[in-house]
Amino acid sequence: LALALGAALAFFAPRPIESQALEWLESPRKVPGFRL
C-alpha cells in the first residue's frame, strides 16, 4: 500500500517549475504598523 501511494503521489505531485522559485501568497496580507 505504501509503495502504491508513493507511486501515486509521485505521479500527481506538481513538477518543480521556474515560477516555483518564489512562493506567492494567495491572499496578500497587510503589514501592520511598525517603527524601526
PDB file of all heavy atoms in Angstrom:
ATOM      1  N   LEU A   1       0.829  -1.201   0.000  1.00  0.00           N
ATOM      2  CA  LEU A   1       0.000   0.000   0.000  1.00  0.00           C
ATOM      3  C   LEU A   1       0.864   1.252   0.000  1.00  0.00           C
ATOM      4  O   LEU A   1       0.595   2.223  -0.714  1.00  0.00           O
ATOM      5  CB  LEU A   1      -0.923  -0.009   1.221  1.00  0.00           C
ATOM      6  CG  LEU A   1      -1.838   1.220   1.394  1.00  0.00           C
ATOM      7  CD1 LEU A   1      -2.765   1.363   0.182  1.00  0.00           C
ATOM      8  CD2 LEU A   1      -2.645   1.085   2.680  1.00  0.00           C
ATOM      9  N   ALA A   2       1.926   1.231   0.813  1.00  0.00           N
ATOM     10  CA  ALA A   2       2.823   2.384   0.878  1.00  0.00           C
ATOM     11  C   ALA A   2       3.471   2.640  -0.474  1.00  0.00           C
ATOM     12  O   ALA A   2       3.589   3.789  -0.926  1.00  0.00           O
ATOM     13  CB  ALA A   2       3.889   2.161   1.947  1.00  0.00           C
ATOM     14  N   LEU A   3       3.917   1.564  -1.126  1.00  0.00           N
ATOM     15  CA  LEU A   3       4.546   1.718  -2.438  1.00  0.00           C
ATOM     16  C   LEU A   3       3.561   2.267  -3.459  1.00  0.00           C
ATOM     17  O   LEU A   3       3.897   3.111  -4.290  1.00  0.00           O
ATOM     18  CB  LEU A   3       5.112   0.375  -2.906  1.00  0.00           C
ATOM     19  CG  LEU A   3       6.332  -0.146  -2.137  1.00  0.00           C
ATOM     20  CD1 LEU A   3       6.657  -1.572  -2.567  1.00  0.00           C
ATOM     21  CD2 LEU A   3       7.532   0.769  -2.364  1.00  0.00           C
ATOM     22  N   ALA A   4       2.313   1.782  -3.388  1.00  0.00           N
ATOM     23  CA  ALA A   4       1.290   2.255  -4.322  1.00  0.00           C
ATOM     24  C   ALA A   4       0.986   3.733  -4.099  1.00  0.00           C
ATOM     25  O   ALA A   4       0.864   4.517  -5.047  1.00  0.00           O
ATOM     26  CB  ALA A   4       0.023   1.417  -4.170  1.00  0.00           C
ATOM     27  N   LEU A   5       0.851   4.127  -2.824  1.00  0.00           N
ATOM     28  CA  LEU A   5       0.582   5.530  -2.518  1.00  0.00           C
ATOM     29  C   LEU A   5       1.748   6.410  -2.943  1.00  0.00           C
ATOM     30  O   LEU A   5       1.563   7.512  -3.468  1.00  0.00           O
ATOM     31  CB  LEU A   5       0.323   5.692  -1.011  1.00  0.00           C
ATOM     32  CG  LEU A   5      -1.021   5.182  -0.501  1.00  0.00           C
ATOM     33  CD1 LEU A   5      -1.075   5.242   1.023  1.00  0.00           C
ATOM     34  CD2 LEU A   5      -2.172   5.979  -1.111  1.00  0.00           C
ATOM     35  N   GLY A   6       2.965   5.909  -2.705  1.00  0.00           N
ATOM     36  CA  GLY A   6       4.142   6.677  -3.103  1.00  0.00           C
ATOM     37  C   GLY A   6       4.182   6.892  -4.599  1.00  0.00           C
ATOM     38  O   GLY A   6       4.492   7.984  -5.081  1.00  0.00           O
ATOM     39  N   ALA A   7       3.861   5.853  -5.347  1.00  0.00           N
ATOM     40  CA  ALA A   7       3.854   5.972  -6.808  1.00  0.00           C
ATOM     41  C   ALA A   7       2.778   6.956  -7.269  1.00  0.00           C
ATOM     42  O   ALA A   7       2.998   7.766  -8.174  1.00  0.00           O
ATOM     43  CB  ALA A   7       3.622   4.599  -7.433  1.00  0.00           C
ATOM     44  N   ALA A   8       1.615   6.890  -6.618  1.00  0.00           N
ATOM     45  CA  ALA A   8       0.531   7.801  -6.996  1.00  0.00           C
ATOM     46  C   ALA A   8       0.902   9.248  -6.703  1.00  0.00           C
ATOM     47  O   ALA A   8       0.680  10.148  -7.521  1.00  0.00           O
ATOM     48  CB  ALA A   8      -0.746   7.424  -6.256  1.00  0.00           C
ATOM     49  N   LEU A   9       1.476   9.485  -5.519  1.00  0.00           N
ATOM     50  CA  LEU A   9       1.869  10.851  -5.159  1.00  0.00           C
ATOM     51  C   LEU A   9       2.951  11.365  -6.088  1.00  0.00           C
ATOM     52  O   LEU A   9       2.959  12.534  -6.472  1.00  0.00           O
ATOM     53  CB  LEU A   9       2.353  10.884  -3.700  1.00  0.00           C
ATOM     54  CG  LEU A   9       1.261  10.703  -2.647  1.00  0.00           C
ATOM     55  CD1 LEU A   9       1.884  10.573  -1.255  1.00  0.00           C
ATOM     56  CD2 LEU A   9       0.280  11.871  -2.682  1.00  0.00           C
ATOM     57  N   ALA A  10       3.883  10.498  -6.450  1.00  0.00           N
ATOM     58  CA  ALA A  10       4.951  10.913  -7.361  1.00  0.00           C
ATOM     59  C   ALA A  10       4.385  11.287  -8.722  1.00  0.00           C
ATOM     60  O   ALA A  10       4.884  12.184  -9.400  1.00  0.00           O
ATOM     61  CB  ALA A  10       5.983   9.788  -7.505  1.00  0.00           C
ATOM     62  N   PHE A  11       3.300  10.582  -9.130  1.00  0.00           N
ATOM     63  CA  PHE A  11       2.706  10.851 -10.439  1.00  0.00           C
ATOM     64  C   PHE A  11       1.928  12.160 -10.441  1.00  0.00           C
ATOM     65  O   PHE A  11       2.023  12.951 -11.364  1.00  0.00           O
ATOM     66  CB  PHE A  11       1.780   9.700 -10.832  1.00  0.00           C
ATOM     67  CG  PHE A  11       1.127   9.895 -12.172  1.00  0.00           C
ATOM     68  CD1 PHE A  11       1.827   9.614 -13.343  1.00  0.00           C
ATOM     69  CD2 PHE A  11      -0.173  10.363 -12.254  1.00  0.00           C
ATOM     70  CE1 PHE A  11       1.225   9.794 -14.584  1.00  0.00           C
ATOM     71  CE2 PHE A  11      -0.775  10.551 -13.489  1.00  0.00           C
ATOM     72  CZ  PHE A  11      -0.071  10.271 -14.652  1.00  0.00           C
ATOM     73  N   PHE A  12       1.164  12.382  -9.354  1.00  0.00           N
ATOM     74  CA  PHE A  12       0.285  13.541  -9.320  1.00  0.00           C
ATOM     75  C   PHE A  12       0.946  14.791  -8.756  1.00  0.00           C
ATOM     76  O   PHE A  12       0.431  15.892  -8.930  1.00  0.00           O
ATOM     77  CB  PHE A  12      -0.975  13.232  -8.501  1.00  0.00           C
ATOM     78  CG  PHE A  12      -1.906  12.271  -9.192  1.00  0.00           C
ATOM     79  CD1 PHE A  12      -2.038  10.966  -8.751  1.00  0.00           C
ATOM     80  CD2 PHE A  12      -2.638  12.676 -10.292  1.00  0.00           C
ATOM     81  CE1 PHE A  12      -2.898  10.080  -9.387  1.00  0.00           C
ATOM     82  CE2 PHE A  12      -3.500  11.802 -10.939  1.00  0.00           C
ATOM     83  CZ  PHE A  12      -3.622  10.500 -10.484  1.00  0.00           C
ATOM     84  N   ALA A  13       2.063  14.671  -8.030  1.00  0.00           N
ATOM     85  CA  ALA A  13       2.711  15.845  -7.439  1.00  0.00           C
ATOM     86  C   ALA A  13       3.195  16.773  -8.537  1.00  0.00           C
ATOM     87  O   ALA A  13       3.695  16.333  -9.574  1.00  0.00           O
ATOM     88  CB  ALA A  13       3.901  15.409  -6.578  1.00  0.00           C
ATOM     89  N   PRO A  14       3.029  18.093  -8.352  1.00  0.00           N
ATOM     90  CA  PRO A  14       3.477  19.034  -9.376  1.00  0.00           C
ATOM     91  C   PRO A  14       4.994  19.004  -9.521  1.00  0.00           C
ATOM     92  O   PRO A  14       5.719  18.936  -8.545  1.00  0.00           O
ATOM     93  CB  PRO A  14       3.000  20.398  -8.831  1.00  0.00           C
ATOM     94  CG  PRO A  14       2.849  20.186  -7.361  1.00  0.00           C
ATOM     95  CD  PRO A  14       2.420  18.760  -7.194  1.00  0.00           C
ATOM     96  N   ARG A  15       5.443  19.014 -10.768  1.00  0.00           N
ATOM     97  CA  ARG A  15       6.870  19.038 -11.013  1.00  0.00           C
ATOM     98  C   ARG A  15       7.410  20.437 -10.730  1.00  0.00           C
ATOM     99  O   ARG A  15       6.713  21.427 -10.975  1.00  0.00           O
ATOM    100  CB  ARG A  15       7.157  18.667 -12.471  1.00  0.00           C
ATOM    101  CG  ARG A  15       6.669  17.272 -12.862  1.00  0.00           C
ATOM    102  CD  ARG A  15       7.417  16.182 -12.084  1.00  0.00           C
ATOM    103  NE  ARG A  15       7.123  14.864 -12.613  1.00  0.00           N
ATOM    104  CZ  ARG A  15       6.163  14.089 -12.173  1.00  0.00           C
ATOM    105  NH1 ARG A  15       5.347  14.521 -11.225  1.00  0.00           N
ATOM    106  NH2 ARG A  15       5.982  12.885 -12.679  1.00  0.00           N
ATOM    107  N   PRO A  16       8.632  20.537 -10.203  1.00  0.00           N
ATOM    108  CA  PRO A  16       9.212  21.870  -9.966  1.00  0.00           C
ATOM    109  C   PRO A  16       9.298  22.650 -11.270  1.00  0.00           C
ATOM    110  O   PRO A  16       9.751  22.137 -12.287  1.00  0.00           O
ATOM    111  CB  PRO A  16      10.622  21.544  -9.434  1.00  0.00           C
ATOM    112  CG  PRO A  16      10.517  20.154  -8.901  1.00  0.00           C
ATOM    113  CD  PRO A  16       9.523  19.461  -9.785  1.00  0.00           C
ATOM    114  N   ILE A  17       8.827  23.878 -11.255  1.00  0.00           N
ATOM    115  CA  ILE A  17       8.940  24.741 -12.422  1.00  0.00           C
ATOM    116  C   ILE A  17       9.567  26.051 -11.992  1.00  0.00           C
ATOM    117  O   ILE A  17       9.640  26.372 -10.806  1.00  0.00           O
ATOM    118  CB  ILE A  17       7.563  25.003 -13.066  1.00  0.00           C
ATOM    119  CG1 ILE A  17       6.597  25.621 -12.039  1.00  0.00           C
ATOM    120  CG2 ILE A  17       6.972  23.743 -13.647  1.00  0.00           C
ATOM    121  CD1 ILE A  17       5.255  25.997 -12.631  1.00  0.00           C
ATOM    122  N   GLU A  18      10.012  26.820 -12.959  1.00  0.00           N
ATOM    123  CA  GLU A  18      10.783  28.017 -12.667  1.00  0.00           C
ATOM    124  C   GLU A  18      10.022  28.988 -11.776  1.00  0.00           C
ATOM    125  O   GLU A  18      10.576  29.616 -10.891  1.00  0.00           O
ATOM    126  CB  GLU A  18      11.162  28.698 -13.987  1.00  0.00           C
ATOM    127  CG  GLU A  18      12.291  29.676 -13.864  1.00  0.00           C
ATOM    128  CD  GLU A  18      12.834  30.070 -15.221  1.00  0.00           C
ATOM    129  OE1 GLU A  18      13.742  29.399 -15.721  1.00  0.00           O
ATOM    130  OE2 GLU A  18      12.328  31.062 -15.784  1.00  0.00           O
ATOM    131  N   SER A  19       8.702  29.123 -11.991  1.00  0.00           N
ATOM    132  CA  SER A  19       7.922  30.073 -11.205  1.00  0.00           C
ATOM    133  C   SER A  19       7.857  29.681  -9.741  1.00  0.00           C
ATOM    134  O   SER A  19       7.524  30.495  -8.890  1.00  0.00           O
ATOM    135  CB  SER A  19       6.506  30.196 -11.776  1.00  0.00           C
ATOM    136  OG  SER A  19       5.824  28.963 -11.682  1.00  0.00           O
ATOM    137  N   GLN A  20       8.168  28.411  -9.438  1.00  0.00           N
ATOM    138  CA  GLN A  20       8.122  27.985  -8.048  1.00  0.00           C
ATOM    139  C   GLN A  20       9.362  28.408  -7.270  1.00  0.00           C
ATOM    140  O   GLN A  20       9.526  28.038  -6.120  1.00  0.00           O
ATOM    141  CB  GLN A  20       7.942  26.473  -7.979  1.00  0.00           C
ATOM    142  CG  GLN A  20       6.561  26.020  -8.434  1.00  0.00           C
ATOM    143  CD  GLN A  20       6.401  24.522  -8.405  1.00  0.00           C
ATOM    144  OE1 GLN A  20       7.358  23.770  -8.561  1.00  0.00           O
ATOM    145  NE2 GLN A  20       5.181  24.054  -8.204  1.00  0.00           N
ATOM    146  N   ALA A  21      10.257  29.169  -7.902  1.00  0.00           N
ATOM    147  CA  ALA A  21      11.388  29.737  -7.174  1.00  0.00           C
ATOM    148  C   ALA A  21      10.875  30.646  -6.063  1.00  0.00           C
ATOM    149  O   ALA A  21      11.526  30.822  -5.038  1.00  0.00           O
ATOM    150  CB  ALA A  21      12.296  30.523  -8.118  1.00  0.00           C
ATOM    151  N   LEU A  22       9.677  31.200  -6.263  1.00  0.00           N
ATOM    152  CA  LEU A  22       9.039  32.054  -5.266  1.00  0.00           C
ATOM    153  C   LEU A  22       7.734  31.430  -4.810  1.00  0.00           C
ATOM    154  O   LEU A  22       7.060  30.740  -5.572  1.00  0.00           O
ATOM    155  CB  LEU A  22       8.731  33.438  -5.842  1.00  0.00           C
ATOM    156  CG  LEU A  22       9.875  34.442  -5.953  1.00  0.00           C
ATOM    157  CD1 LEU A  22      10.793  34.095  -7.096  1.00  0.00           C
ATOM    158  CD2 LEU A  22       9.305  35.837  -6.141  1.00  0.00           C
ATOM    159  N   GLU A  23       7.385  31.708  -3.578  1.00  0.00           N
ATOM    160  CA  GLU A  23       6.079  31.311  -3.054  1.00  0.00           C
ATOM    161  C   GLU A  23       5.233  32.567  -2.910  1.00  0.00           C
ATOM    162  O   GLU A  23       5.495  33.402  -2.041  1.00  0.00           O
ATOM    163  CB  GLU A  23       6.230  30.626  -1.701  1.00  0.00           C
ATOM    164  CG  GLU A  23       4.908  30.244  -1.058  1.00  0.00           C
ATOM    165  CD  GLU A  23       5.040  29.778   0.382  1.00  0.00           C
ATOM    166  OE1 GLU A  23       6.178  29.581   0.831  1.00  0.00           O
ATOM    167  OE2 GLU A  23       4.000  29.647   1.049  1.00  0.00           O
ATOM    168  N   TRP A  24       4.256  32.717  -3.783  1.00  0.00           N
ATOM    169  CA  TRP A  24       3.363  33.874  -3.709  1.00  0.00           C
ATOM    170  C   TRP A  24       2.165  33.539  -2.833  1.00  0.00           C
ATOM    171  O   TRP A  24       1.595  32.466  -2.942  1.00  0.00           O
ATOM    172  CB  TRP A  24       2.884  34.268  -5.105  1.00  0.00           C
ATOM    173  CG  TRP A  24       3.970  34.755  -6.015  1.00  0.00           C
ATOM    174  CD1 TRP A  24       4.528  34.080  -7.054  1.00  0.00           C
ATOM    175  CD2 TRP A  24       4.617  36.026  -5.967  1.00  0.00           C
ATOM    176  NE1 TRP A  24       5.493  34.851  -7.664  1.00  0.00           N
ATOM    177  CE2 TRP A  24       5.571  36.050  -7.023  1.00  0.00           C
ATOM    178  CE3 TRP A  24       4.505  37.142  -5.144  1.00  0.00           C
ATOM    179  CZ2 TRP A  24       6.386  37.144  -7.269  1.00  0.00           C
ATOM    180  CZ3 TRP A  24       5.324  38.239  -5.384  1.00  0.00           C
ATOM    181  CH2 TRP A  24       6.247  38.234  -6.431  1.00  0.00           C
ATOM    182  N   LEU A  25       1.773  34.462  -1.979  1.00  0.00           N
ATOM    183  CA  LEU A  25       0.613  34.255  -1.133  1.00  0.00           C
ATOM    184  C   LEU A  25      -0.661  34.384  -1.965  1.00  0.00           C
ATOM    185  O   LEU A  25      -0.796  35.313  -2.768  1.00  0.00           O
ATOM    186  CB  LEU A  25       0.580  35.276   0.004  1.00  0.00           C
ATOM    187  CG  LEU A  25       1.361  34.951   1.277  1.00  0.00           C
ATOM    188  CD1 LEU A  25       2.863  34.880   0.998  1.00  0.00           C
ATOM    189  CD2 LEU A  25       1.072  35.980   2.363  1.00  0.00           C
ATOM    190  N   GLU A  26      -1.589  33.466  -1.769  1.00  0.00           N
ATOM    191  CA  GLU A  26      -2.861  33.551  -2.479  1.00  0.00           C
ATOM    192  C   GLU A  26      -3.646  34.784  -2.036  1.00  0.00           C
ATOM    193  O   GLU A  26      -4.328  35.412  -2.838  1.00  0.00           O
ATOM    194  CB  GLU A  26      -3.680  32.288  -2.227  1.00  0.00           C
ATOM    195  CG  GLU A  26      -3.090  31.035  -2.868  1.00  0.00           C
ATOM    196  CD  GLU A  26      -3.996  29.835  -2.685  1.00  0.00           C
ATOM    197  OE1 GLU A  26      -5.105  30.003  -2.123  1.00  0.00           O
ATOM    198  OE2 GLU A  26      -3.602  28.728  -3.103  1.00  0.00           O
ATOM    199  N   SER A  27      -3.531  35.119  -0.752  1.00  0.00           N
ATOM    200  CA  SER A  27      -4.214  36.299  -0.218  1.00  0.00           C
ATOM    201  C   SER A  27      -3.174  37.206   0.430  1.00  0.00           C
ATOM    202  O   SER A  27      -2.685  36.904   1.531  1.00  0.00           O
ATOM    203  CB  SER A  27      -5.269  35.900   0.819  1.00  0.00           C
ATOM    204  OG  SER A  27      -6.251  35.057   0.250  1.00  0.00           O
ATOM    205  N   PRO A  28      -2.792  38.297  -0.231  1.00  0.00           N
ATOM    206  CA  PRO A  28      -1.807  39.219   0.357  1.00  0.00           C
ATOM    207  C   PRO A  28      -2.244  39.694   1.735  1.00  0.00           C
ATOM    208  O   PRO A  28      -3.438  39.894   1.989  1.00  0.00           O
ATOM    209  CB  PRO A  28      -1.771  40.376  -0.650  1.00  0.00           C
ATOM    210  CG  PRO A  28      -2.215  39.764  -1.935  1.00  0.00           C
ATOM    211  CD  PRO A  28      -3.244  38.736  -1.557  1.00  0.00           C
ATOM    212  N   ARG A  29      -1.272  39.860   2.628  1.00  0.00           N
ATOM    213  CA  ARG A  29      -1.566  40.286   3.995  1.00  0.00           C
ATOM    214  C   ARG A  29      -0.970  41.666   4.254  1.00  0.00           C
ATOM    215  O   ARG A  29       0.210  41.900   4.008  1.00  0.00           O
ATOM    216  CB  ARG A  29      -0.995  39.279   4.998  1.00  0.00           C
ATOM    217  CG  ARG A  29      -1.536  37.879   4.844  1.00  0.00           C
ATOM    218  CD  ARG A  29      -1.381  37.092   6.135  1.00  0.00           C
ATOM    219  NE  ARG A  29      -0.013  36.967   6.569  1.00  0.00           N
ATOM    220  CZ  ARG A  29       0.745  35.881   6.363  1.00  0.00           C
ATOM    221  NH1 ARG A  29       0.250  34.847   5.686  1.00  0.00           N
ATOM    222  NH2 ARG A  29       1.980  35.819   6.807  1.00  0.00           N
ATOM    223  N   LYS A  30      -1.784  42.571   4.753  1.00  0.00           N
ATOM    224  CA  LYS A  30      -1.321  43.921   5.067  1.00  0.00           C
ATOM    225  C   LYS A  30      -0.311  43.869   6.206  1.00  0.00           C
ATOM    226  O   LYS A  30      -0.555  43.231   7.238  1.00  0.00           O
ATOM    227  CB  LYS A  30      -2.509  44.799   5.468  1.00  0.00           C
ATOM    228  CG  LYS A  30      -2.156  46.275   5.569  1.00  0.00           C
ATOM    229  CD  LYS A  30      -1.961  46.865   4.190  1.00  0.00           C
ATOM    230  CE  LYS A  30      -1.724  48.373   4.248  1.00  0.00           C
ATOM    231  NZ  LYS A  30      -1.468  48.935   2.896  1.00  0.00           N
ATOM    232  N   VAL A  31       0.832  44.514   6.015  1.00  0.00           N
ATOM    233  CA  VAL A  31       1.833  44.577   7.083  1.00  0.00           C
ATOM    234  C   VAL A  31       1.376  45.635   8.083  1.00  0.00           C
ATOM    235  O   VAL A  31       1.189  46.801   7.721  1.00  0.00           O
ATOM    236  CB  VAL A  31       3.217  44.937   6.520  1.00  0.00           C
ATOM    237  CG1 VAL A  31       4.237  45.083   7.648  1.00  0.00           C
ATOM    238  CG2 VAL A  31       3.684  43.876   5.521  1.00  0.00           C
ATOM    239  N   PRO A  32       1.158  45.265   9.342  1.00  0.00           N
ATOM    240  CA  PRO A  32       0.684  46.243  10.332  1.00  0.00           C
ATOM    241  C   PRO A  32       1.751  47.295  10.620  1.00  0.00           C
ATOM    242  O   PRO A  32       2.917  47.150  10.236  1.00  0.00           O
ATOM    243  CB  PRO A  32       0.405  45.378  11.567  1.00  0.00           C
ATOM    244  CG  PRO A  32       1.268  44.180  11.405  1.00  0.00           C
ATOM    245  CD  PRO A  32       1.340  43.920   9.921  1.00  0.00           C
ATOM    246  N   GLY A  33       1.323  48.345  11.294  1.00  0.00           N
ATOM    247  CA  GLY A  33       2.237  49.435  11.598  1.00  0.00           C
ATOM    248  C   GLY A  33       3.459  48.977  12.377  1.00  0.00           C
ATOM    249  O   GLY A  33       3.358  48.173  13.297  1.00  0.00           O
ATOM    250  N   PHE A  34       4.620  49.477  11.997  1.00  0.00           N
ATOM    251  CA  PHE A  34       5.855  49.175  12.721  1.00  0.00           C
ATOM    252  C   PHE A  34       6.731  50.415  12.716  1.00  0.00           C
ATOM    253  O   PHE A  34       6.559  51.324  11.907  1.00  0.00           O
ATOM    254  CB  PHE A  34       6.604  47.992  12.083  1.00  0.00           C
ATOM    255  CG  PHE A  34       7.122  48.256  10.690  1.00  0.00           C
ATOM    256  CD1 PHE A  34       8.374  48.827  10.494  1.00  0.00           C
ATOM    257  CD2 PHE A  34       6.366  47.937   9.575  1.00  0.00           C
ATOM    258  CE1 PHE A  34       8.854  49.084   9.210  1.00  0.00           C
ATOM    259  CE2 PHE A  34       6.839  48.177   8.291  1.00  0.00           C
ATOM    260  CZ  PHE A  34       8.090  48.760   8.110  1.00  0.00           C
ATOM    261  N   ARG A  35       7.672  50.445  13.616  1.00  0.00           N
ATOM    262  CA  ARG A  35       8.622  51.565  13.690  1.00  0.00           C
ATOM    263  C   ARG A  35       9.987  51.022  14.103  1.00  0.00           C
ATOM    264  O   ARG A  35      10.197  50.666  15.266  1.00  0.00           O
ATOM    265  CB  ARG A  35       8.157  52.624  14.683  1.00  0.00           C
ATOM    266  CG  ARG A  35       9.073  53.862  14.732  1.00  0.00           C
ATOM    267  CD  ARG A  35       8.588  54.870  15.769  1.00  0.00           C
ATOM    268  NE  ARG A  35       9.463  56.013  15.879  1.00  0.00           N
ATOM    269  CZ  ARG A  35       9.379  57.110  15.123  1.00  0.00           C
ATOM    270  NH1 ARG A  35       8.443  57.188  14.197  1.00  0.00           N
ATOM    271  NH2 ARG A  35      10.223  58.109  15.285  1.00  0.00           N
ATOM    272  N   LEU A  36      10.883  50.943  13.137  1.00  0.00           N
ATOM    273  CA  LEU A  36      12.253  50.515  13.390  1.00  0.00           C
ATOM    274  C   LEU A  36      13.175  51.723  13.262  1.00  0.00           C
ATOM    275  O   LEU A  36      12.711  52.849  13.104  1.00  0.00           O
ATOM    276  CB  LEU A  36      12.631  49.406  12.403  1.00  0.00           C
ATOM    277  CG  LEU A  36      11.722  48.172  12.400  1.00  0.00           C
ATOM    278  CD1 LEU A  36      12.150  47.187  11.317  1.00  0.00           C
ATOM    279  CD2 LEU A  36      11.716  47.495  13.766  1.00  0.00           C
TER     280      LEU A  36
END
